[in-house]
């Protein structure tokens, strides 16, 4: 029984380390505080001072969960490139 419990703990611990780098391109449709909406999808951004509604951008972020939903708390923005 102990072996099964230990195996279960190891499997769950391995799953908790999920991360995936994702790149999304689109237009900024809204800026609200630290939230920037790319094609209507929100991302938390530390510095929005150089960003404007209407700009086309390419955002690289890390998805820290394997759950298939769009939750800005699950993403860590790595880079935002303003496209010309």
N, C-alpha and C. Protein backbone atom coordinates (compact mmCIF):
# COMPACT_ATOMS: atom_id res chain seq x y z
N UNK A 1 0.82 -1.20 0.00
CA UNK A 1 0.00 0.00 0.00
C UNK A 1 0.86 1.26 0.00
N UNK A 2 1.94 1.25 0.78
CA UNK A 2 2.84 2.40 0.84
C UNK A 2 3.45 2.70 -0.53
N UNK A 3 3.76 1.65 -1.25
CA UNK A 3 4.36 1.82 -2.57
C UNK A 3 3.39 2.55 -3.50
N UNK A 4 2.13 2.21 -3.45
CA UNK A 4 1.13 2.87 -4.30
C UNK A 4 0.95 4.34 -3.93
N UNK A 5 0.95 4.62 -2.64
CA UNK A 5 0.82 6.02 -2.19
C UNK A 5 2.04 6.81 -2.63
N UNK A 6 3.22 6.25 -2.47
CA UNK A 6 4.44 6.92 -2.88
C UNK A 6 4.45 7.15 -4.39
N UNK A 7 4.02 6.16 -5.15
CA UNK A 7 3.96 6.30 -6.60
C UNK A 7 2.97 7.39 -7.01
N UNK A 8 1.83 7.44 -6.35
CA UNK A 8 0.84 8.49 -6.62
C UNK A 8 1.41 9.87 -6.33
N UNK A 9 2.10 10.03 -5.23
CA UNK A 9 2.72 11.32 -4.88
C UNK A 9 3.75 11.72 -5.92
N UNK A 10 4.56 10.78 -6.37
CA UNK A 10 5.57 11.08 -7.39
C UNK A 10 4.93 11.50 -8.71
N UNK A 11 3.87 10.84 -9.10
CA UNK A 11 3.17 11.19 -10.35
C UNK A 11 2.57 12.59 -10.24
N UNK A 12 1.92 12.87 -9.13
CA UNK A 12 1.31 14.20 -8.96
C UNK A 12 2.37 15.29 -8.90
N UNK A 13 3.49 15.03 -8.28
CA UNK A 13 4.57 16.02 -8.21
C UNK A 13 5.15 16.27 -9.60
N UNK A 14 5.27 15.24 -10.40
CA UNK A 14 5.80 15.41 -11.76
C UNK A 14 4.87 16.24 -12.61
N UNK A 15 3.57 16.10 -12.43
CA UNK A 15 2.60 16.85 -13.21
C UNK A 15 2.56 18.32 -12.83
N UNK A 16 2.93 18.65 -11.62
CA UNK A 16 2.85 20.04 -11.16
C UNK A 16 3.93 20.92 -11.78
N UNK A 17 4.93 20.36 -12.43
CA UNK A 17 6.00 21.13 -13.03
C UNK A 17 5.72 21.52 -14.48
N UNK A 18 4.50 21.50 -14.91
CA UNK A 18 4.14 21.78 -16.29
C UNK A 18 4.45 23.22 -16.67
N UNK A 19 5.01 23.42 -17.83
CA UNK A 19 5.13 24.76 -18.41
C UNK A 19 5.33 24.60 -19.92
N UNK A 20 4.77 25.54 -20.66
CA UNK A 20 4.86 25.51 -22.11
C UNK A 20 5.00 26.93 -22.61
N UNK A 21 5.97 27.17 -23.50
CA UNK A 21 6.13 28.49 -24.10
C UNK A 21 5.16 28.63 -25.26
N UNK A 22 4.42 29.73 -25.28
CA UNK A 22 3.40 29.97 -26.30
C UNK A 22 3.65 31.34 -26.92
N UNK A 23 3.45 31.45 -28.22
CA UNK A 23 3.55 32.73 -28.91
C UNK A 23 2.20 33.03 -29.56
N UNK A 24 1.73 34.24 -29.36
CA UNK A 24 0.45 34.67 -29.93
C UNK A 24 0.64 36.03 -30.57
N UNK A 25 0.14 36.20 -31.77
CA UNK A 25 0.16 37.48 -32.45
C UNK A 25 -1.26 37.99 -32.59
N UNK A 26 -1.42 39.29 -32.50
CA UNK A 26 -2.74 39.87 -32.64
C UNK A 26 -2.73 41.36 -32.36
N UNK A 27 -3.92 41.93 -32.31
CA UNK A 27 -4.08 43.36 -32.11
C UNK A 27 -4.50 43.62 -30.66
N UNK A 28 -3.93 44.67 -30.07
CA UNK A 28 -4.35 45.08 -28.73
C UNK A 28 -5.72 45.72 -28.86
N UNK A 29 -6.70 45.12 -28.17
CA UNK A 29 -8.07 45.61 -28.26
C UNK A 29 -8.47 46.42 -27.03
N UNK A 30 -7.72 46.27 -25.93
CA UNK A 30 -8.05 47.00 -24.71
C UNK A 30 -6.86 46.95 -23.76
N UNK A 31 -6.66 48.04 -23.01
CA UNK A 31 -5.66 48.06 -21.94
C UNK A 31 -6.39 48.55 -20.70
N UNK A 32 -6.32 47.76 -19.62
CA UNK A 32 -7.00 48.11 -18.38
C UNK A 32 -6.05 47.81 -17.22
N UNK A 33 -5.34 48.83 -16.75
CA UNK A 33 -4.35 48.63 -15.69
C UNK A 33 -3.22 47.76 -16.19
N UNK A 34 -3.02 46.63 -15.52
CA UNK A 34 -1.96 45.72 -15.94
C UNK A 34 -2.45 44.66 -16.91
N UNK A 35 -3.72 44.72 -17.29
CA UNK A 35 -4.28 43.76 -18.24
C UNK A 35 -4.25 44.34 -19.65
N UNK A 36 -3.68 43.57 -20.56
CA UNK A 36 -3.66 43.92 -21.97
C UNK A 36 -4.45 42.83 -22.69
N UNK A 37 -5.39 43.25 -23.50
CA UNK A 37 -6.25 42.31 -24.23
C UNK A 37 -5.75 42.18 -25.66
N UNK A 38 -5.33 40.99 -26.03
CA UNK A 38 -4.87 40.71 -27.39
C UNK A 38 -6.00 39.95 -28.08
N UNK A 39 -6.60 40.57 -29.08
CA UNK A 39 -7.77 39.98 -29.76
C UNK A 39 -8.83 39.55 -28.74
N UNK A 40 -9.00 40.33 -27.69
CA UNK A 40 -10.02 40.08 -26.68
C UNK A 40 -9.60 39.16 -25.55
N UNK A 41 -8.40 38.56 -25.63
CA UNK A 41 -7.94 37.65 -24.58
C UNK A 41 -6.99 38.39 -23.64
N UNK A 42 -7.25 38.37 -22.32
CA UNK A 42 -6.45 39.14 -21.38
C UNK A 42 -5.13 38.47 -21.00
N UNK A 43 -4.09 39.30 -20.86
CA UNK A 43 -2.80 38.88 -20.35
C UNK A 43 -2.33 39.94 -19.35
N UNK A 44 -1.74 39.51 -18.24
CA UNK A 44 -1.17 40.44 -17.27
C UNK A 44 0.22 40.85 -17.74
N UNK A 45 0.45 42.15 -17.79
CA UNK A 45 1.73 42.69 -18.26
C UNK A 45 2.25 43.66 -17.20
N UNK A 46 3.55 43.56 -16.88
CA UNK A 46 4.13 44.43 -15.86
C UNK A 46 4.16 45.89 -16.28
N UNK A 47 4.57 46.16 -17.53
CA UNK A 47 4.74 47.54 -17.99
C UNK A 47 3.95 47.75 -19.28
N UNK A 48 2.91 48.54 -19.20
CA UNK A 48 2.08 48.81 -20.38
C UNK A 48 2.36 50.19 -20.98
N UNK A 49 3.40 50.86 -20.50
CA UNK A 49 3.63 52.26 -20.89
C UNK A 49 3.87 52.46 -22.39
N UNK A 50 4.43 51.47 -23.07
CA UNK A 50 4.71 51.62 -24.51
C UNK A 50 3.64 50.97 -25.39
N UNK A 51 2.60 50.47 -24.77
CA UNK A 51 1.57 49.77 -25.52
C UNK A 51 0.36 50.67 -25.72
N UNK A 52 -0.29 50.51 -26.88
CA UNK A 52 -1.47 51.31 -27.22
C UNK A 52 -2.51 50.41 -27.88
N UNK A 53 -3.77 50.73 -27.66
CA UNK A 53 -4.86 50.03 -28.33
C UNK A 53 -4.68 50.19 -29.84
N UNK A 54 -4.85 49.11 -30.56
CA UNK A 54 -4.72 49.13 -32.02
C UNK A 54 -3.38 48.62 -32.52
N UNK A 55 -2.37 48.54 -31.65
CA UNK A 55 -1.07 48.04 -32.07
C UNK A 55 -1.15 46.54 -32.34
N UNK A 56 -0.42 46.12 -33.37
CA UNK A 56 -0.24 44.69 -33.61
C UNK A 56 0.99 44.25 -32.84
N UNK A 57 0.85 43.16 -32.09
CA UNK A 57 1.94 42.70 -31.25
C UNK A 57 2.12 41.19 -31.39
N UNK A 58 3.30 40.75 -30.98
CA UNK A 58 3.61 39.33 -30.87
C UNK A 58 4.03 39.12 -29.42
N UNK A 59 3.29 38.28 -28.70
CA UNK A 59 3.53 38.05 -27.28
C UNK A 59 4.03 36.63 -27.07
N UNK A 60 5.10 36.51 -26.30
CA UNK A 60 5.60 35.21 -25.90
C UNK A 60 5.35 35.08 -24.40
N UNK A 61 4.68 33.99 -24.02
CA UNK A 61 4.39 33.79 -22.59
C UNK A 61 4.51 32.32 -22.24
N UNK A 62 4.64 32.07 -20.95
CA UNK A 62 4.74 30.71 -20.43
C UNK A 62 3.40 30.34 -19.83
N UNK A 63 2.84 29.24 -20.29
CA UNK A 63 1.60 28.69 -19.73
C UNK A 63 2.04 27.73 -18.62
N UNK A 64 1.65 28.02 -17.38
CA UNK A 64 2.12 27.24 -16.24
C UNK A 64 1.16 26.14 -15.81
N UNK A 65 0.11 25.92 -16.57
CA UNK A 65 -0.84 24.86 -16.22
C UNK A 65 -1.28 24.12 -17.48
N UNK A 66 -1.57 22.86 -17.32
CA UNK A 66 -2.00 22.06 -18.47
C UNK A 66 -3.51 22.13 -18.68
N UNK A 67 -4.21 22.88 -17.84
CA UNK A 67 -5.66 23.02 -17.96
C UNK A 67 -5.98 23.82 -19.22
N UNK A 68 -6.97 23.37 -19.98
CA UNK A 68 -7.33 24.00 -21.25
C UNK A 68 -8.35 25.12 -21.04
N UNK A 69 -7.92 26.21 -20.43
CA UNK A 69 -8.76 27.40 -20.31
C UNK A 69 -7.86 28.62 -20.44
N UNK A 70 -8.48 29.79 -20.57
CA UNK A 70 -7.69 31.02 -20.71
C UNK A 70 -7.83 31.79 -19.40
N UNK A 71 -6.84 31.61 -18.51
CA UNK A 71 -6.80 32.28 -17.22
C UNK A 71 -5.50 33.07 -17.14
N UNK A 72 -5.57 34.42 -17.15
CA UNK A 72 -4.35 35.23 -17.14
C UNK A 72 -3.44 34.94 -15.94
N UNK A 73 -3.99 34.38 -14.86
CA UNK A 73 -3.16 34.03 -13.71
C UNK A 73 -2.27 32.82 -14.00
N UNK A 74 -2.56 32.07 -15.05
CA UNK A 74 -1.77 30.89 -15.42
C UNK A 74 -0.64 31.21 -16.38
N UNK A 75 -0.50 32.48 -16.78
CA UNK A 75 0.50 32.85 -17.79
C UNK A 75 1.53 33.82 -17.21
N UNK A 76 2.78 33.66 -17.64
CA UNK A 76 3.86 34.59 -17.30
C UNK A 76 4.37 35.17 -18.61
N UNK A 77 4.10 36.45 -18.85
CA UNK A 77 4.51 37.09 -20.10
C UNK A 77 6.03 37.26 -20.09
N UNK A 78 6.68 36.76 -21.12
CA UNK A 78 8.13 36.85 -21.26
C UNK A 78 8.54 38.04 -22.13
N UNK A 79 7.80 38.27 -23.21
CA UNK A 79 8.19 39.32 -24.16
C UNK A 79 6.98 39.78 -24.96
N UNK A 80 6.94 41.09 -25.22
CA UNK A 80 5.95 41.65 -26.13
C UNK A 80 6.71 42.45 -27.18
N UNK A 81 6.51 42.06 -28.43
CA UNK A 81 7.16 42.73 -29.56
C UNK A 81 6.08 43.49 -30.33
N UNK A 82 6.28 44.80 -30.50
CA UNK A 82 5.36 45.61 -31.28
C UNK A 82 5.70 45.42 -32.75
N UNK A 83 4.73 44.97 -33.53
CA UNK A 83 4.94 44.70 -34.95
C UNK A 83 4.61 45.95 -35.75
N UNK A 84 5.31 46.17 -36.80
CA UNK A 84 5.08 47.33 -37.69
C UNK A 84 4.06 47.00 -38.73
